[in-house]
Amino acid sequence: MNSKKAQNHSHKPKLPILKCECGHEILLLLDLQALGEIIEKHALEHKEKYALTQEETNAIENTLIAQAFKLFVELKN
């Protein structure tokens, strides 16, 4: 038997989330400047934590930006 709480949870809309390869999740924001800053900050955290090159850091940023564009298109349709 499902509880009332579990039933309410299943009716909540799924928020658009960007998912990094490390498992970190970033909420898709409509404020593109703020979203860009969050993505850049997260990529820099990777660079410092894993001693990545600038090219590798840029690849992480680009992957997250591509996810954001894909989600924007999906939401529009």
PDB file of N, CA and C in Angstrom:
ATOM      1  N   MET A   1       0.837  -1.172   0.000  1.00  0.00           N
ATOM      2  CA  MET A   1       0.000   0.000   0.000  1.00  0.00           C
ATOM      3  C   MET A   1       0.887   1.242   0.000  1.00  0.00           C
ATOM      4  N   ASN A   2       0.619   2.174  -0.900  1.00  0.00           N
ATOM      5  CA  ASN A   2       1.414   3.395  -0.987  1.00  0.00           C
ATOM      6  C   ASN A   2       0.960   4.401   0.059  1.00  0.00           C
ATOM      7  N   SER A   3       1.913   5.038   0.663  1.00  0.00           N
ATOM      8  CA  SER A   3       1.571   6.074   1.626  1.00  0.00           C
ATOM      9  C   SER A   3       1.215   7.356   0.886  1.00  0.00           C
ATOM     10  N   LYS A   4       0.542   8.253   1.581  1.00  0.00           N
ATOM     11  CA  LYS A   4       0.148   9.528   0.982  1.00  0.00           C
ATOM     12  C   LYS A   4       1.385  10.331   0.565  1.00  0.00           C
ATOM     13  N   LYS A   5       2.433  10.265   1.386  1.00  0.00           N
ATOM     14  CA  LYS A   5       3.668  10.978   1.089  1.00  0.00           C
ATOM     15  C   LYS A   5       4.294  10.452  -0.202  1.00  0.00           C
ATOM     16  N   ALA A   6       4.336   9.154  -0.367  1.00  0.00           N
ATOM     17  CA  ALA A   6       4.906   8.556  -1.578  1.00  0.00           C
ATOM     18  C   ALA A   6       4.072   8.922  -2.790  1.00  0.00           C
ATOM     19  N   GLN A   7       2.773   8.986  -2.644  1.00  0.00           N
ATOM     20  CA  GLN A   7       1.906   9.348  -3.760  1.00  0.00           C
ATOM     21  C   GLN A   7       2.140  10.793  -4.167  1.00  0.00           C
ATOM     22  N   ASN A   8       2.286  11.692  -3.197  1.00  0.00           N
ATOM     23  CA  ASN A   8       2.545  13.098  -3.503  1.00  0.00           C
ATOM     24  C   ASN A   8       3.877  13.262  -4.213  1.00  0.00           C
ATOM     25  N   HIS A   9       4.860  12.489  -3.801  1.00  0.00           N
ATOM     26  CA  HIS A   9       6.189  12.577  -4.405  1.00  0.00           C
ATOM     27  C   HIS A   9       6.143  12.192  -5.886  1.00  0.00           C
ATOM     28  N   SER A  10       5.342  11.211  -6.221  1.00  0.00           N
ATOM     29  CA  SER A  10       5.287  10.746  -7.604  1.00  0.00           C
ATOM     30  C   SER A  10       4.616  11.758  -8.528  1.00  0.00           C
ATOM     31  N   HIS A  11       3.889  12.720  -7.981  1.00  0.00           N
ATOM     32  CA  HIS A  11       3.209  13.720  -8.793  1.00  0.00           C
ATOM     33  C   HIS A  11       4.024  14.998  -8.963  1.00  0.00           C
ATOM     34  N   LYS A  12       5.157  15.069  -8.308  1.00  0.00           N
ATOM     35  CA  LYS A  12       5.995  16.260  -8.436  1.00  0.00           C
ATOM     36  C   LYS A  12       6.632  16.276  -9.816  1.00  0.00           C
ATOM     37  N   PRO A  13       6.706  17.455 -10.438  1.00  0.00           N
ATOM     38  CA  PRO A  13       7.356  17.518 -11.748  1.00  0.00           C
ATOM     39  C   PRO A  13       8.856  17.263 -11.616  1.00  0.00           C
ATOM     40  N   LYS A  14       9.421  16.622 -12.617  1.00  0.00           N
ATOM     41  CA  LYS A  14      10.855  16.350 -12.619  1.00  0.00           C
ATOM     42  C   LYS A  14      11.582  17.611 -13.062  1.00  0.00           C
ATOM     43  N   LEU A  15      12.506  18.062 -12.246  1.00  0.00           N
ATOM     44  CA  LEU A  15      13.255  19.274 -12.559  1.00  0.00           C
ATOM     45  C   LEU A  15      14.348  18.957 -13.574  1.00  0.00           C
ATOM     46  N   PRO A  16      14.609  19.888 -14.492  1.00  0.00           N
ATOM     47  CA  PRO A  16      15.686  19.657 -15.464  1.00  0.00           C
ATOM     48  C   PRO A  16      17.049  19.804 -14.793  1.00  0.00           C
ATOM     49  N   ILE A  17      17.819  18.738 -14.843  1.00  0.00           N
ATOM     50  CA  ILE A  17      19.106  18.672 -14.145  1.00  0.00           C
ATOM     51  C   ILE A  17      20.215  18.322 -15.134  1.00  0.00           C
ATOM     52  N   LEU A  18      21.332  19.033 -15.021  1.00  0.00           N
ATOM     53  CA  LEU A  18      22.550  18.666 -15.748  1.00  0.00           C
ATOM     54  C   LEU A  18      23.310  17.700 -14.856  1.00  0.00           C
ATOM     55  N   LYS A  19      23.876  16.664 -15.453  1.00  0.00           N
ATOM     56  CA  LYS A  19      24.615  15.677 -14.666  1.00  0.00           C
ATOM     57  C   LYS A  19      26.055  15.594 -15.165  1.00  0.00           C
ATOM     58  N   CYS A  20      26.973  15.882 -14.271  1.00  0.00           N
ATOM     59  CA  CYS A  20      28.391  15.806 -14.594  1.00  0.00           C
ATOM     60  C   CYS A  20      28.844  14.349 -14.517  1.00  0.00           C
ATOM     61  N   GLU A  21      29.956  14.062 -15.170  1.00  0.00           N
ATOM     62  CA  GLU A  21      30.510  12.699 -15.142  1.00  0.00           C
ATOM     63  C   GLU A  21      30.881  12.256 -13.732  1.00  0.00           C
ATOM     64  N   CYS A  22      31.083  13.209 -12.817  1.00  0.00           N
ATOM     65  CA  CYS A  22      31.444  12.878 -11.441  1.00  0.00           C
ATOM     66  C   CYS A  22      30.215  12.571 -10.585  1.00  0.00           C
ATOM     67  N   GLY A  23      29.022  12.802 -11.153  1.00  0.00           N
ATOM     68  CA  GLY A  23      27.794  12.554 -10.414  1.00  0.00           C
ATOM     69  C   GLY A  23      27.157  13.817  -9.867  1.00  0.00           C
ATOM     70  N   HIS A  24      27.872  14.915  -9.922  1.00  0.00           N
ATOM     71  CA  HIS A  24      27.342  16.191  -9.440  1.00  0.00           C
ATOM     72  C   HIS A  24      26.173  16.627 -10.328  1.00  0.00           C
ATOM     73  N   GLU A  25      25.121  17.152  -9.707  1.00  0.00           N
ATOM     74  CA  GLU A  25      23.953  17.605 -10.456  1.00  0.00           C
ATOM     75  C   GLU A  25      23.815  19.116 -10.336  1.00  0.00           C
ATOM     76  N   ILE A  26      23.462  19.743 -11.460  1.00  0.00           N
ATOM     77  CA  ILE A  26      23.281  21.190 -11.517  1.00  0.00           C
ATOM     78  C   ILE A  26      21.884  21.454 -12.063  1.00  0.00           C
ATOM     79  N   LEU A  27      21.097  22.217 -11.323  1.00  0.00           N
ATOM     80  CA  LEU A  27      19.760  22.568 -11.765  1.00  0.00           C
ATOM     81  C   LEU A  27      19.853  23.486 -12.980  1.00  0.00           C
ATOM     82  N   LEU A  28      19.088  23.182 -14.018  1.00  0.00           N
ATOM     83  CA  LEU A  28      19.066  24.010 -15.219  1.00  0.00           C
ATOM     84  C   LEU A  28      18.395  25.336 -14.877  1.00  0.00           C
ATOM     85  N   LEU A  29      19.108  26.432 -15.047  1.00  0.00           N
ATOM     86  CA  LEU A  29      18.588  27.764 -14.766  1.00  0.00           C
ATOM     87  C   LEU A  29      18.274  28.479 -16.063  1.00  0.00           C
ATOM     88  N   LEU A  30      17.245  29.304 -16.047  1.00  0.00           N
ATOM     89  CA  LEU A  30      16.925  30.107 -17.226  1.00  0.00           C
ATOM     90  C   LEU A  30      17.847  31.311 -17.341  1.00  0.00           C
ATOM     91  N   ASP A  31      18.479  31.684 -16.256  1.00  0.00           N
ATOM     92  CA  ASP A  31      19.462  32.760 -16.254  1.00  0.00           C
ATOM     93  C   ASP A  31      20.776  32.178 -16.787  1.00  0.00           C
ATOM     94  N   LEU A  32      21.019  32.404 -18.073  1.00  0.00           N
ATOM     95  CA  LEU A  32      22.173  31.776 -18.720  1.00  0.00           C
ATOM     96  C   LEU A  32      23.502  32.237 -18.152  1.00  0.00           C
ATOM     97  N   GLN A  33      23.588  33.486 -17.738  1.00  0.00           N
ATOM     98  CA  GLN A  33      24.842  33.970 -17.156  1.00  0.00           C
ATOM     99  C   GLN A  33      25.131  33.240 -15.847  1.00  0.00           C
ATOM    100  N   ALA A  34      24.117  33.102 -15.010  1.00  0.00           N
ATOM    101  CA  ALA A  34      24.302  32.394 -13.736  1.00  0.00           C
ATOM    102  C   ALA A  34      24.624  30.923 -13.975  1.00  0.00           C
ATOM    103  N   LEU A  35      23.934  30.301 -14.917  1.00  0.00           N
ATOM    104  CA  LEU A  35      24.190  28.898 -15.239  1.00  0.00           C
ATOM    105  C   LEU A  35      25.623  28.724 -15.738  1.00  0.00           C
ATOM    106  N   GLY A  36      26.070  29.628 -16.600  1.00  0.00           N
ATOM    107  CA  GLY A  36      27.442  29.567 -17.100  1.00  0.00           C
ATOM    108  C   GLY A  36      28.468  29.681 -15.983  1.00  0.00           C
ATOM    109  N   GLU A  37      28.199  30.556 -15.021  1.00  0.00           N
ATOM    110  CA  GLU A  37      29.116  30.724 -13.890  1.00  0.00           C
ATOM    111  C   GLU A  37      29.165  29.462 -13.031  1.00  0.00           C
ATOM    112  N   ILE A  38      28.019  28.828 -12.834  1.00  0.00           N
ATOM    113  CA  ILE A  38      27.967  27.598 -12.040  1.00  0.00           C
ATOM    114  C   ILE A  38      28.738  26.475 -12.745  1.00  0.00           C
ATOM    115  N   ILE A  39      28.529  26.362 -14.048  1.00  0.00           N
ATOM    116  CA  ILE A  39      29.235  25.338 -14.830  1.00  0.00           C
ATOM    117  C   ILE A  39      30.742  25.583 -14.784  1.00  0.00           C
ATOM    118  N   GLU A  40      31.138  26.827 -14.989  1.00  0.00           N
ATOM    119  CA  GLU A  40      32.561  27.162 -14.969  1.00  0.00           C
ATOM    120  C   GLU A  40      33.174  26.856 -13.595  1.00  0.00           C
ATOM    121  N   LYS A  41      32.472  27.205 -12.528  1.00  0.00           N
ATOM    122  CA  LYS A  41      32.970  26.945 -11.174  1.00  0.00           C
ATOM    123  C   LYS A  41      33.141  25.444 -10.945  1.00  0.00           C
ATOM    124  N   HIS A  42      32.160  24.666 -11.394  1.00  0.00           N
ATOM    125  CA  HIS A  42      32.253  23.224 -11.198  1.00  0.00           C
ATOM    126  C   HIS A  42      33.436  22.645 -11.984  1.00  0.00           C
ATOM    127  N   ALA A  43      33.619  23.098 -13.212  1.00  0.00           N
ATOM    128  CA  ALA A  43      34.739  22.610 -14.022  1.00  0.00           C
ATOM    129  C   ALA A  43      36.080  22.968 -13.365  1.00  0.00           C
ATOM    130  N   LEU A  44      36.165  24.158 -12.792  1.00  0.00           N
ATOM    131  CA  LEU A  44      37.398  24.557 -12.100  1.00  0.00           C
ATOM    132  C   LEU A  44      37.640  23.695 -10.859  1.00  0.00           C
ATOM    133  N   GLU A  45      36.571  23.276 -10.199  1.00  0.00           N
ATOM    134  CA  GLU A  45      36.727  22.360  -9.063  1.00  0.00           C
ATOM    135  C   GLU A  45      37.339  21.041  -9.532  1.00  0.00           C
ATOM    136  N   HIS A  46      36.917  20.573 -10.706  1.00  0.00           N
ATOM    137  CA  HIS A  46      37.516  19.364 -11.289  1.00  0.00           C
ATOM    138  C   HIS A  46      38.996  19.595 -11.554  1.00  0.00           C
ATOM    139  N   LYS A  47      39.301  20.745 -12.136  1.00  0.00           N
ATOM    140  CA  LYS A  47      40.691  21.051 -12.492  1.00  0.00           C
ATOM    141  C   LYS A  47      41.592  20.996 -11.259  1.00  0.00           C
ATOM    142  N   GLU A  48      41.125  21.597 -10.171  1.00  0.00           N
ATOM    143  CA  GLU A  48      41.925  21.627  -8.947  1.00  0.00           C
ATOM    144  C   GLU A  48      41.994  20.259  -8.272  1.00  0.00           C
ATOM    145  N   LYS A  49      40.859  19.569  -8.215  1.00  0.00           N
ATOM    146  CA  LYS A  49      40.798  18.290  -7.514  1.00  0.00           C
ATOM    147  C   LYS A  49      41.569  17.194  -8.240  1.00  0.00           C
ATOM    148  N   TYR A  50      41.486  17.181  -9.573  1.00  0.00           N
ATOM    149  CA  TYR A  50      42.083  16.096 -10.353  1.00  0.00           C
ATOM    150  C   TYR A  50      43.294  16.536 -11.175  1.00  0.00           C
ATOM    151  N   ALA A  51      43.772  17.762 -10.966  1.00  0.00           N
ATOM    152  CA  ALA A  51      44.917  18.310 -11.683  1.00  0.00           C
ATOM    153  C   ALA A  51      44.746  18.160 -13.198  1.00  0.00           C
ATOM    154  N   LEU A  52      43.610  18.613 -13.684  1.00  0.00           N
ATOM    155  CA  LEU A  52      43.309  18.513 -15.116  1.00  0.00           C
ATOM    156  C   LEU A  52      43.995  19.623 -15.891  1.00  0.00           C
ATOM    157  N   THR A  53      44.198  19.362 -17.168  1.00  0.00           N
ATOM    158  CA  THR A  53      44.697  20.401 -18.065  1.00  0.00           C
ATOM    159  C   THR A  53      43.537  21.339 -18.392  1.00  0.00           C
ATOM    160  N   GLN A  54      43.867  22.485 -18.973  1.00  0.00           N
ATOM    161  CA  GLN A  54      42.821  23.424 -19.376  1.00  0.00           C
ATOM    162  C   GLN A  54      41.926  22.797 -20.446  1.00  0.00           C
ATOM    163  N   GLU A  55      42.509  21.996 -21.316  1.00  0.00           N
ATOM    164  CA  GLU A  55      41.732  21.318 -22.362  1.00  0.00           C
ATOM    165  C   GLU A  55      40.711  20.349 -21.749  1.00  0.00           C
ATOM    166  N   GLU A  56      41.134  19.614 -20.740  1.00  0.00           N
ATOM    167  CA  GLU A  56      40.215  18.678 -20.067  1.00  0.00           C
ATOM    168  C   GLU A  56      39.114  19.430 -19.313  1.00  0.00           C
ATOM    169  N   THR A  57      39.496  20.540 -18.694  1.00  0.00           N
ATOM    170  CA  THR A  57      38.522  21.372 -17.984  1.00  0.00           C
ATOM    171  C   THR A  57      37.499  21.942 -18.962  1.00  0.00           C
ATOM    172  N   ASN A  58      37.980  22.398 -20.104  1.00  0.00           N
ATOM    173  CA  ASN A  58      37.083  22.931 -21.140  1.00  0.00           C
ATOM    174  C   ASN A  58      36.134  21.846 -21.640  1.00  0.00           C
ATOM    175  N   ALA A  59      36.612  20.617 -21.751  1.00  0.00           N
ATOM    176  CA  ALA A  59      35.766  19.512 -22.208  1.00  0.00           C
ATOM    177  C   ALA A  59      34.621  19.264 -21.230  1.00  0.00           C
ATOM    178  N   ILE A  60      34.895  19.357 -19.949  1.00  0.00           N
ATOM    179  CA  ILE A  60      33.841  19.186 -18.938  1.00  0.00           C
ATOM    180  C   ILE A  60      32.815  20.306 -19.075  1.00  0.00           C
ATOM    181  N   GLU A  61      33.298  21.540 -19.200  1.00  0.00           N
ATOM    182  CA  GLU A  61      32.398  22.675 -19.391  1.00  0.00           C
ATOM    183  C   GLU A  61      31.544  22.485 -20.642  1.00  0.00           C
ATOM    184  N   ASN A  62      32.180  22.111 -21.740  1.00  0.00           N
ATOM    185  CA  ASN A  62      31.456  21.945 -23.002  1.00  0.00           C
ATOM    186  C   ASN A  62      30.400  20.848 -22.925  1.00  0.00           C
ATOM    187  N   THR A  63      30.712  19.777 -22.222  1.00  0.00           N
ATOM    188  CA  THR A  63      29.743  18.696 -22.055  1.00  0.00           C
ATOM    189  C   THR A  63      28.521  19.184 -21.285  1.00  0.00           C
ATOM    190  N   LEU A  64      28.736  19.932 -20.222  1.00  0.00           N
ATOM    191  CA  LEU A  64      27.622  20.448 -19.424  1.00  0.00           C
ATOM    192  C   LEU A  64      26.816  21.489 -20.205  1.00  0.00           C
ATOM    193  N   ILE A  65      27.494  22.320 -20.980  1.00  0.00           N
ATOM    194  CA  ILE A  65      26.797  23.316 -21.801  1.00  0.00           C
ATOM    195  C   ILE A  65      25.958  22.625 -22.869  1.00  0.00           C
ATOM    196  N   ALA A  66      26.498  21.582 -23.474  1.00  0.00           N
ATOM    197  CA  ALA A  66      25.740  20.825 -24.481  1.00  0.00           C
ATOM    198  C   ALA A  66      24.500  20.196 -23.856  1.00  0.00           C
ATOM    199  N   GLN A  67      24.630  19.666 -22.648  1.00  0.00           N
ATOM    200  CA  GLN A  67      23.465  19.115 -21.946  1.00  0.00           C
ATOM    201  C   GLN A  67      22.416  20.192 -21.721  1.00  0.00           C
ATOM    202  N   ALA A  68      22.866  21.390 -21.348  1.00  0.00           N
ATOM    203  CA  ALA A  68      21.943  22.496 -21.088  1.00  0.00           C
ATOM    204  C   ALA A  68      21.167  22.847 -22.357  1.00  0.00           C
ATOM    205  N   PHE A  69      21.862  22.958 -23.480  1.00  0.00           N
ATOM    206  CA  PHE A  69      21.181  23.278 -24.739  1.00  0.00           C
ATOM    207  C   PHE A  69      20.180  22.189 -25.106  1.00  0.00           C
ATOM    208  N   LYS A  70      20.559  20.946 -24.912  1.00  0.00           N
ATOM    209  CA  LYS A  70      19.654  19.839 -25.221  1.00  0.00           C
ATOM    210  C   LYS A  70      18.406  19.910 -24.353  1.00  0.00           C
ATOM    211  N   LEU A  71      18.574  20.184 -23.072  1.00  0.00           N
ATOM    212  CA  LEU A  71      17.426  20.291 -22.179  1.00  0.00           C
ATOM    213  C   LEU A  71      16.536  21.480 -22.538  1.00  0.00           C
ATOM    214  N   PHE A  72      17.142  22.606 -22.924  1.00  0.00           N
ATOM    215  CA  PHE A  72      16.355  23.768 -23.331  1.00  0.00           C
ATOM    216  C   PHE A  72      15.477  23.415 -24.533  1.00  0.00           C
ATOM    217  N   VAL A  73      16.044  22.711 -25.490  1.00  0.00           N
ATOM    218  CA  VAL A  73      15.278  22.299 -26.678  1.00  0.00           C
ATOM    219  C   VAL A  73      14.155  21.349 -26.290  1.00  0.00           C
ATOM    220  N   GLU A  74      14.458  20.388 -25.433  1.00  0.00           N
ATOM    221  CA  GLU A  74      13.434  19.432 -24.989  1.00  0.00           C
ATOM    222  C   GLU A  74      12.294  20.128 -24.251  1.00  0.00           C
ATOM    223  N   LEU A  75      12.638  21.119 -23.432  1.00  0.00           N
ATOM    224  CA  LEU A  75      11.616  21.849 -22.680  1.00  0.00           C
ATOM    225  C   LEU A  75      10.749  22.707 -23.599  1.00  0.00           C
ATOM    226  N   LYS A  76      11.357  23.223 -24.653  1.00  0.00           N
ATOM    227  CA  LYS A  76      10.628  24.068 -25.604  1.00  0.00           C
ATOM    228  C   LYS A  76       9.596  23.244 -26.365  1.00  0.00           C
ATOM    229  N   ASN A  77       9.927  21.998 -26.665  1.00  0.00           N
ATOM    230  CA  ASN A  77       9.024  21.135 -27.423  1.00  0.00           C
ATOM    231  C   ASN A  77       8.047  20.528 -26.514  1.00  0.00           C
TER     232      ASN A  77
END
